[in-house]
Amino acid sequence: MRLHHVSLLVADTARALGFYRDILGLAEAPRPELGFPGAWLDVGGQQIHLLELPNPDPVDGRPDHGGRDRHVALSCPDLDALVTRLEAAGIPYTRSRSGRAALFCRDPDGNAVELIAGG
C-alpha cells in the first residue's frame, strides 16, 4: 500500500490555493465536478485534495506548534527559499523541536503543515 491523497477542509478554495499553489509551489491537478468547490494538487506521486465544505472541527484553539497537532508533512527541496516566501507573506512558522531541518506553519484555515528539508 501507499498513500494516495490527503483531504483538507477549507473555507475558501481560492484563498487556500494562494497558500498551497502560490507559496508552497504545488501544481494543480485535474479535478472532476463533485458538486462542491475545491481543488486537487500534485505532491510527488500523491495529492492533496482541498474540499470547500463546512468544517466540523474547531479552527481556533489549536496548539501553537503544529507538531503537536494533526498535520500533513511535505518534503521541501529548498527550505530556506520557502522560509523567505513564508516571511514575505506574513505566515508565522515554528522550527521543529526535534532539531531536524523542518518547520511547521498553518494554512489559512488552520490546517497544520510540516515542511521537511530534503528532496
N, C-alpha and C. Protein backbone atom coordinates (compact mmCIF):
# COMPACT_ATOMS: atom_id res chain seq x y z
N MET A 1 0.83 -1.18 0.00
CA MET A 1 0.00 0.00 0.00
C MET A 1 0.88 1.25 0.00
N ARG A 2 0.27 2.34 -0.43
CA ARG A 2 0.92 3.64 -0.38
C ARG A 2 -0.15 4.71 -0.23
N LEU A 3 0.26 5.85 0.23
CA LEU A 3 -0.67 6.96 0.40
C LEU A 3 -1.05 7.51 -0.96
N HIS A 4 -2.34 7.67 -1.21
CA HIS A 4 -2.83 8.21 -2.48
C HIS A 4 -3.06 9.71 -2.38
N HIS A 5 -3.85 10.14 -1.37
CA HIS A 5 -4.09 11.57 -1.18
C HIS A 5 -4.51 11.85 0.25
N VAL A 6 -4.44 13.12 0.60
CA VAL A 6 -4.92 13.65 1.87
C VAL A 6 -5.94 14.71 1.53
N SER A 7 -7.08 14.71 2.22
CA SER A 7 -8.09 15.74 2.01
C SER A 7 -8.09 16.71 3.17
N LEU A 8 -8.15 18.00 2.84
CA LEU A 8 -8.18 19.06 3.85
C LEU A 8 -9.40 19.93 3.61
N LEU A 9 -10.11 20.27 4.68
CA LEU A 9 -11.26 21.15 4.57
C LEU A 9 -10.79 22.60 4.56
N VAL A 10 -11.36 23.38 3.66
CA VAL A 10 -11.02 24.79 3.54
C VAL A 10 -12.31 25.60 3.41
N ALA A 11 -12.26 26.85 3.85
CA ALA A 11 -13.42 27.73 3.76
C ALA A 11 -13.50 28.45 2.42
N ASP A 12 -12.34 28.62 1.76
CA ASP A 12 -12.29 29.38 0.51
C ASP A 12 -11.18 28.77 -0.36
N THR A 13 -11.57 28.10 -1.43
CA THR A 13 -10.61 27.40 -2.28
C THR A 13 -9.56 28.36 -2.85
N ALA A 14 -9.98 29.52 -3.33
CA ALA A 14 -9.03 30.46 -3.92
C ALA A 14 -8.00 30.90 -2.89
N ARG A 15 -8.44 31.17 -1.68
CA ARG A 15 -7.51 31.59 -0.61
C ARG A 15 -6.56 30.44 -0.27
N ALA A 16 -7.06 29.22 -0.20
CA ALA A 16 -6.21 28.06 0.09
C ALA A 16 -5.20 27.83 -1.03
N LEU A 17 -5.61 28.04 -2.28
CA LEU A 17 -4.68 27.89 -3.40
C LEU A 17 -3.56 28.94 -3.32
N GLY A 18 -3.87 30.11 -2.78
CA GLY A 18 -2.83 31.11 -2.57
C GLY A 18 -1.71 30.60 -1.68
N PHE A 19 -2.04 29.70 -0.77
CA PHE A 19 -1.04 29.10 0.11
C PHE A 19 -0.39 27.88 -0.55
N TYR A 20 -1.20 26.90 -0.91
CA TYR A 20 -0.65 25.62 -1.40
C TYR A 20 0.01 25.73 -2.78
N ARG A 21 -0.62 26.48 -3.67
CA ARG A 21 -0.08 26.62 -5.02
C ARG A 21 0.95 27.74 -5.10
N ASP A 22 0.58 28.92 -4.61
CA ASP A 22 1.42 30.10 -4.83
C ASP A 22 2.60 30.19 -3.86
N ILE A 23 2.43 29.79 -2.62
CA ILE A 23 3.54 29.87 -1.66
C ILE A 23 4.32 28.56 -1.61
N LEU A 24 3.61 27.42 -1.46
CA LEU A 24 4.32 26.13 -1.39
C LEU A 24 4.77 25.64 -2.76
N GLY A 25 4.15 26.10 -3.83
CA GLY A 25 4.58 25.74 -5.18
C GLY A 25 4.00 24.44 -5.71
N LEU A 26 2.88 23.95 -5.14
CA LEU A 26 2.27 22.72 -5.63
C LEU A 26 1.46 23.01 -6.90
N ALA A 27 1.48 22.06 -7.82
CA ALA A 27 0.76 22.22 -9.09
C ALA A 27 -0.66 21.68 -8.97
N GLU A 28 -1.60 22.40 -9.56
CA GLU A 28 -2.98 21.91 -9.58
C GLU A 28 -3.09 20.71 -10.51
N ALA A 29 -3.95 19.78 -10.14
CA ALA A 29 -4.23 18.59 -10.94
C ALA A 29 -5.68 18.66 -11.41
N PRO A 30 -6.01 17.96 -12.49
CA PRO A 30 -7.41 17.94 -12.93
C PRO A 30 -8.31 17.39 -11.81
N ARG A 31 -9.49 17.99 -11.70
CA ARG A 31 -10.45 17.58 -10.68
C ARG A 31 -11.82 17.46 -11.34
N PRO A 32 -12.51 16.34 -11.12
CA PRO A 32 -13.86 16.21 -11.69
C PRO A 32 -14.84 17.11 -10.94
N GLU A 33 -16.00 17.35 -11.53
CA GLU A 33 -17.05 18.11 -10.85
C GLU A 33 -17.64 17.22 -9.77
N LEU A 34 -17.57 17.69 -8.54
CA LEU A 34 -18.02 16.89 -7.40
C LEU A 34 -19.24 17.48 -6.70
N GLY A 35 -19.75 18.60 -7.21
CA GLY A 35 -20.91 19.21 -6.60
C GLY A 35 -20.59 20.20 -5.50
N PHE A 36 -19.31 20.47 -5.26
CA PHE A 36 -18.87 21.47 -4.29
C PHE A 36 -17.51 21.97 -4.75
N PRO A 37 -17.14 23.20 -4.36
CA PRO A 37 -15.85 23.75 -4.79
C PRO A 37 -14.68 23.01 -4.14
N GLY A 38 -13.54 23.11 -4.79
CA GLY A 38 -12.32 22.52 -4.26
C GLY A 38 -11.24 22.50 -5.32
N ALA A 39 -10.13 21.90 -4.98
CA ALA A 39 -9.02 21.77 -5.92
C ALA A 39 -8.20 20.56 -5.52
N TRP A 40 -7.51 19.98 -6.51
CA TRP A 40 -6.58 18.89 -6.27
C TRP A 40 -5.18 19.39 -6.62
N LEU A 41 -4.22 19.02 -5.81
CA LEU A 41 -2.84 19.44 -6.01
C LEU A 41 -1.92 18.23 -6.02
N ASP A 42 -0.96 18.23 -6.94
CA ASP A 42 0.02 17.14 -7.01
C ASP A 42 1.13 17.37 -6.00
N VAL A 43 1.50 16.28 -5.32
CA VAL A 43 2.61 16.28 -4.37
C VAL A 43 3.40 15.01 -4.65
N GLY A 44 4.42 15.11 -5.50
CA GLY A 44 5.12 13.89 -5.91
C GLY A 44 4.13 12.98 -6.62
N GLY A 45 4.05 11.75 -6.22
CA GLY A 45 3.08 10.82 -6.81
C GLY A 45 1.76 10.79 -6.07
N GLN A 46 1.59 11.67 -5.09
CA GLN A 46 0.36 11.72 -4.32
C GLN A 46 -0.32 13.06 -4.54
N GLN A 47 -1.44 13.28 -3.82
CA GLN A 47 -2.17 14.53 -3.97
C GLN A 47 -2.66 15.05 -2.64
N ILE A 48 -2.95 16.34 -2.60
CA ILE A 48 -3.73 16.96 -1.55
C ILE A 48 -5.03 17.42 -2.21
N HIS A 49 -6.15 17.03 -1.61
CA HIS A 49 -7.45 17.47 -2.10
C HIS A 49 -7.98 18.53 -1.15
N LEU A 50 -8.25 19.70 -1.68
CA LEU A 50 -8.85 20.79 -0.91
C LEU A 50 -10.36 20.71 -1.11
N LEU A 51 -11.09 20.58 -0.01
CA LEU A 51 -12.54 20.44 -0.05
C LEU A 51 -13.18 21.67 0.60
N GLU A 52 -13.90 22.44 -0.18
CA GLU A 52 -14.57 23.63 0.37
C GLU A 52 -15.94 23.19 0.90
N LEU A 53 -15.91 22.73 2.13
CA LEU A 53 -17.10 22.21 2.80
C LEU A 53 -17.11 22.73 4.24
N PRO A 54 -18.27 22.68 4.91
CA PRO A 54 -18.30 23.10 6.31
C PRO A 54 -17.34 22.24 7.14
N ASN A 55 -16.62 22.90 8.04
CA ASN A 55 -15.62 22.22 8.86
C ASN A 55 -16.22 21.90 10.23
N PRO A 56 -16.34 20.62 10.59
CA PRO A 56 -16.90 20.27 11.90
C PRO A 56 -15.89 20.42 13.04
N ASP A 57 -14.63 20.61 12.72
CA ASP A 57 -13.58 20.74 13.74
C ASP A 57 -13.36 22.21 14.10
N PRO A 58 -12.95 22.48 15.33
CA PRO A 58 -12.64 23.87 15.69
C PRO A 58 -11.39 24.34 14.97
N VAL A 59 -11.42 25.56 14.49
CA VAL A 59 -10.25 26.16 13.85
C VAL A 59 -9.44 26.91 14.90
N ASP A 60 -10.12 27.52 15.85
CA ASP A 60 -9.45 28.25 16.92
C ASP A 60 -9.07 27.29 18.04
N GLY A 61 -8.07 27.70 18.83
CA GLY A 61 -7.67 26.89 19.97
C GLY A 61 -6.75 25.73 19.64
N ARG A 62 -6.22 25.69 18.42
CA ARG A 62 -5.28 24.63 18.03
C ARG A 62 -3.94 24.92 18.72
N PRO A 63 -3.11 23.91 18.91
CA PRO A 63 -1.79 24.16 19.51
C PRO A 63 -0.98 25.17 18.69
N ASP A 64 -0.19 25.99 19.38
CA ASP A 64 0.65 26.97 18.68
C ASP A 64 1.65 26.29 17.75
N HIS A 65 2.21 25.18 18.21
CA HIS A 65 3.20 24.43 17.41
C HIS A 65 2.47 23.31 16.68
N GLY A 66 2.49 23.35 15.35
CA GLY A 66 1.78 22.37 14.53
C GLY A 66 2.25 20.94 14.73
N GLY A 67 3.45 20.74 15.27
CA GLY A 67 3.94 19.39 15.52
C GLY A 67 3.18 18.70 16.64
N ARG A 68 2.39 19.46 17.38
CA ARG A 68 1.58 18.89 18.45
C ARG A 68 0.12 18.84 18.05
N ASP A 69 -0.13 18.85 16.76
CA ASP A 69 -1.48 18.81 16.21
C ASP A 69 -1.44 17.86 15.01
N ARG A 70 -2.60 17.42 14.56
CA ARG A 70 -2.60 16.63 13.31
C ARG A 70 -2.06 17.52 12.21
N HIS A 71 -1.29 16.93 11.31
CA HIS A 71 -0.67 17.75 10.26
C HIS A 71 -0.31 16.88 9.06
N VAL A 72 -0.08 17.57 7.96
CA VAL A 72 0.43 16.96 6.74
C VAL A 72 1.91 17.32 6.67
N ALA A 73 2.76 16.35 6.37
CA ALA A 73 4.20 16.60 6.27
C ALA A 73 4.63 16.48 4.82
N LEU A 74 5.36 17.49 4.33
CA LEU A 74 5.82 17.54 2.96
C LEU A 74 7.33 17.73 2.92
N SER A 75 8.00 17.02 2.03
CA SER A 75 9.43 17.26 1.80
C SER A 75 9.58 18.51 0.96
N CYS A 76 10.57 19.31 1.28
CA CYS A 76 10.79 20.58 0.60
C CYS A 76 12.24 20.63 0.13
N PRO A 77 12.48 20.77 -1.18
CA PRO A 77 13.86 20.75 -1.68
C PRO A 77 14.70 21.96 -1.25
N ASP A 78 14.06 23.10 -0.94
CA ASP A 78 14.81 24.29 -0.54
C ASP A 78 14.06 24.99 0.59
N LEU A 79 14.31 24.54 1.80
CA LEU A 79 13.60 25.06 2.96
C LEU A 79 13.90 26.55 3.18
N ASP A 80 15.13 26.98 2.92
CA ASP A 80 15.47 28.39 3.10
C ASP A 80 14.67 29.29 2.17
N ALA A 81 14.50 28.88 0.93
CA ALA A 81 13.70 29.67 -0.02
C ALA A 81 12.24 29.70 0.42
N LEU A 82 11.76 28.60 0.95
CA LEU A 82 10.38 28.57 1.42
C LEU A 82 10.20 29.49 2.63
N VAL A 83 11.17 29.50 3.53
CA VAL A 83 11.11 30.41 4.68
C VAL A 83 11.00 31.86 4.19
N THR A 84 11.76 32.21 3.17
CA THR A 84 11.71 33.56 2.61
C THR A 84 10.30 33.87 2.11
N ARG A 85 9.66 32.91 1.41
CA ARG A 85 8.30 33.12 0.90
C ARG A 85 7.29 33.22 2.05
N LEU A 86 7.43 32.37 3.07
CA LEU A 86 6.52 32.43 4.22
C LEU A 86 6.64 33.79 4.91
N GLU A 87 7.87 34.24 5.15
CA GLU A 87 8.07 35.52 5.83
C GLU A 87 7.53 36.68 4.99
N ALA A 88 7.74 36.63 3.68
CA ALA A 88 7.24 37.69 2.80
C ALA A 88 5.71 37.75 2.82
N ALA A 89 5.08 36.60 3.00
CA ALA A 89 3.61 36.53 3.03
C ALA A 89 3.06 36.75 4.44
N GLY A 90 3.94 36.91 5.42
CA GLY A 90 3.49 37.13 6.79
C GLY A 90 2.92 35.89 7.45
N ILE A 91 3.35 34.72 7.00
CA ILE A 91 2.84 33.46 7.57
C ILE A 91 3.78 33.02 8.69
N PRO A 92 3.28 32.95 9.92
CA PRO A 92 4.14 32.53 11.02
C PRO A 92 4.47 31.04 10.93
N TYR A 93 5.62 30.69 11.47
CA TYR A 93 6.05 29.29 11.49
C TYR A 93 6.88 29.05 12.74
N THR A 94 7.02 27.80 13.10
CA THR A 94 7.91 27.41 14.19
C THR A 94 8.84 26.34 13.65
N ARG A 95 10.06 26.33 14.17
CA ARG A 95 11.04 25.30 13.78
C ARG A 95 10.72 24.00 14.51
N SER A 96 11.14 22.90 13.93
CA SER A 96 10.95 21.60 14.57
C SER A 96 11.65 21.59 15.92
N ARG A 97 10.98 21.05 16.91
CA ARG A 97 11.56 20.98 18.25
C ARG A 97 12.48 19.78 18.41
N SER A 98 12.54 18.92 17.38
CA SER A 98 13.42 17.74 17.44
C SER A 98 14.84 18.07 17.00
N GLY A 99 15.04 19.28 16.45
CA GLY A 99 16.34 19.65 15.93
C GLY A 99 16.51 19.33 14.45
N ARG A 100 15.52 18.68 13.85
CA ARG A 100 15.58 18.40 12.42
C ARG A 100 15.44 19.70 11.62
N ALA A 101 15.88 19.66 10.38
CA ALA A 101 15.70 20.80 9.47
C ALA A 101 14.26 20.75 8.96
N ALA A 102 13.35 21.26 9.77
CA ALA A 102 11.93 21.24 9.43
C ALA A 102 11.24 22.39 10.15
N LEU A 103 10.08 22.77 9.62
CA LEU A 103 9.29 23.80 10.27
C LEU A 103 7.82 23.45 10.14
N PHE A 104 7.03 24.13 10.95
CA PHE A 104 5.58 23.94 10.94
C PHE A 104 4.92 25.30 10.73
N CYS A 105 3.87 25.31 9.92
CA CYS A 105 3.06 26.50 9.74
C CYS A 105 1.62 26.05 9.59
N ARG A 106 0.74 26.98 9.41
CA ARG A 106 -0.68 26.67 9.20
C ARG A 106 -1.16 27.34 7.93
N ASP A 107 -2.06 26.66 7.24
CA ASP A 107 -2.68 27.24 6.06
C ASP A 107 -3.73 28.26 6.52
N PRO A 108 -4.38 28.97 5.61
CA PRO A 108 -5.34 30.00 6.02
C PRO A 108 -6.52 29.45 6.82
N ASP A 109 -6.75 28.13 6.79
CA ASP A 109 -7.85 27.52 7.52
C ASP A 109 -7.42 26.84 8.81
N GLY A 110 -6.16 27.03 9.19
CA GLY A 110 -5.68 26.47 10.44
C GLY A 110 -5.15 25.05 10.35
N ASN A 111 -5.13 24.46 9.15
CA ASN A 111 -4.56 23.12 8.99
C ASN A 111 -3.05 23.22 9.16
N ALA A 112 -2.46 22.35 10.00
CA ALA A 112 -1.03 22.38 10.24
C ALA A 112 -0.29 21.66 9.10
N VAL A 113 0.83 22.24 8.69
CA VAL A 113 1.67 21.68 7.62
C VAL A 113 3.10 21.66 8.13
N GLU A 114 3.73 20.48 8.04
CA GLU A 114 5.14 20.34 8.36
C GLU A 114 5.92 20.34 7.04
N LEU A 115 6.99 21.09 6.98
CA LEU A 115 7.84 21.17 5.80
C LEU A 115 9.23 20.73 6.21
N ILE A 116 9.70 19.63 5.59
CA ILE A 116 10.94 18.99 5.97
C ILE A 116 11.97 19.19 4.86
N ALA A 117 13.17 19.62 5.22
CA ALA A 117 14.23 19.82 4.23
C ALA A 117 14.58 18.49 3.57
N GLY A 118 14.69 18.52 2.26
CA GLY A 118 15.05 17.32 1.51
C GLY A 118 14.20 17.22 0.27
N GLY A 119 14.68 16.46 -0.68
CA GLY A 119 14.02 16.38 -1.97
C GLY A 119 12.92 15.43 -2.02
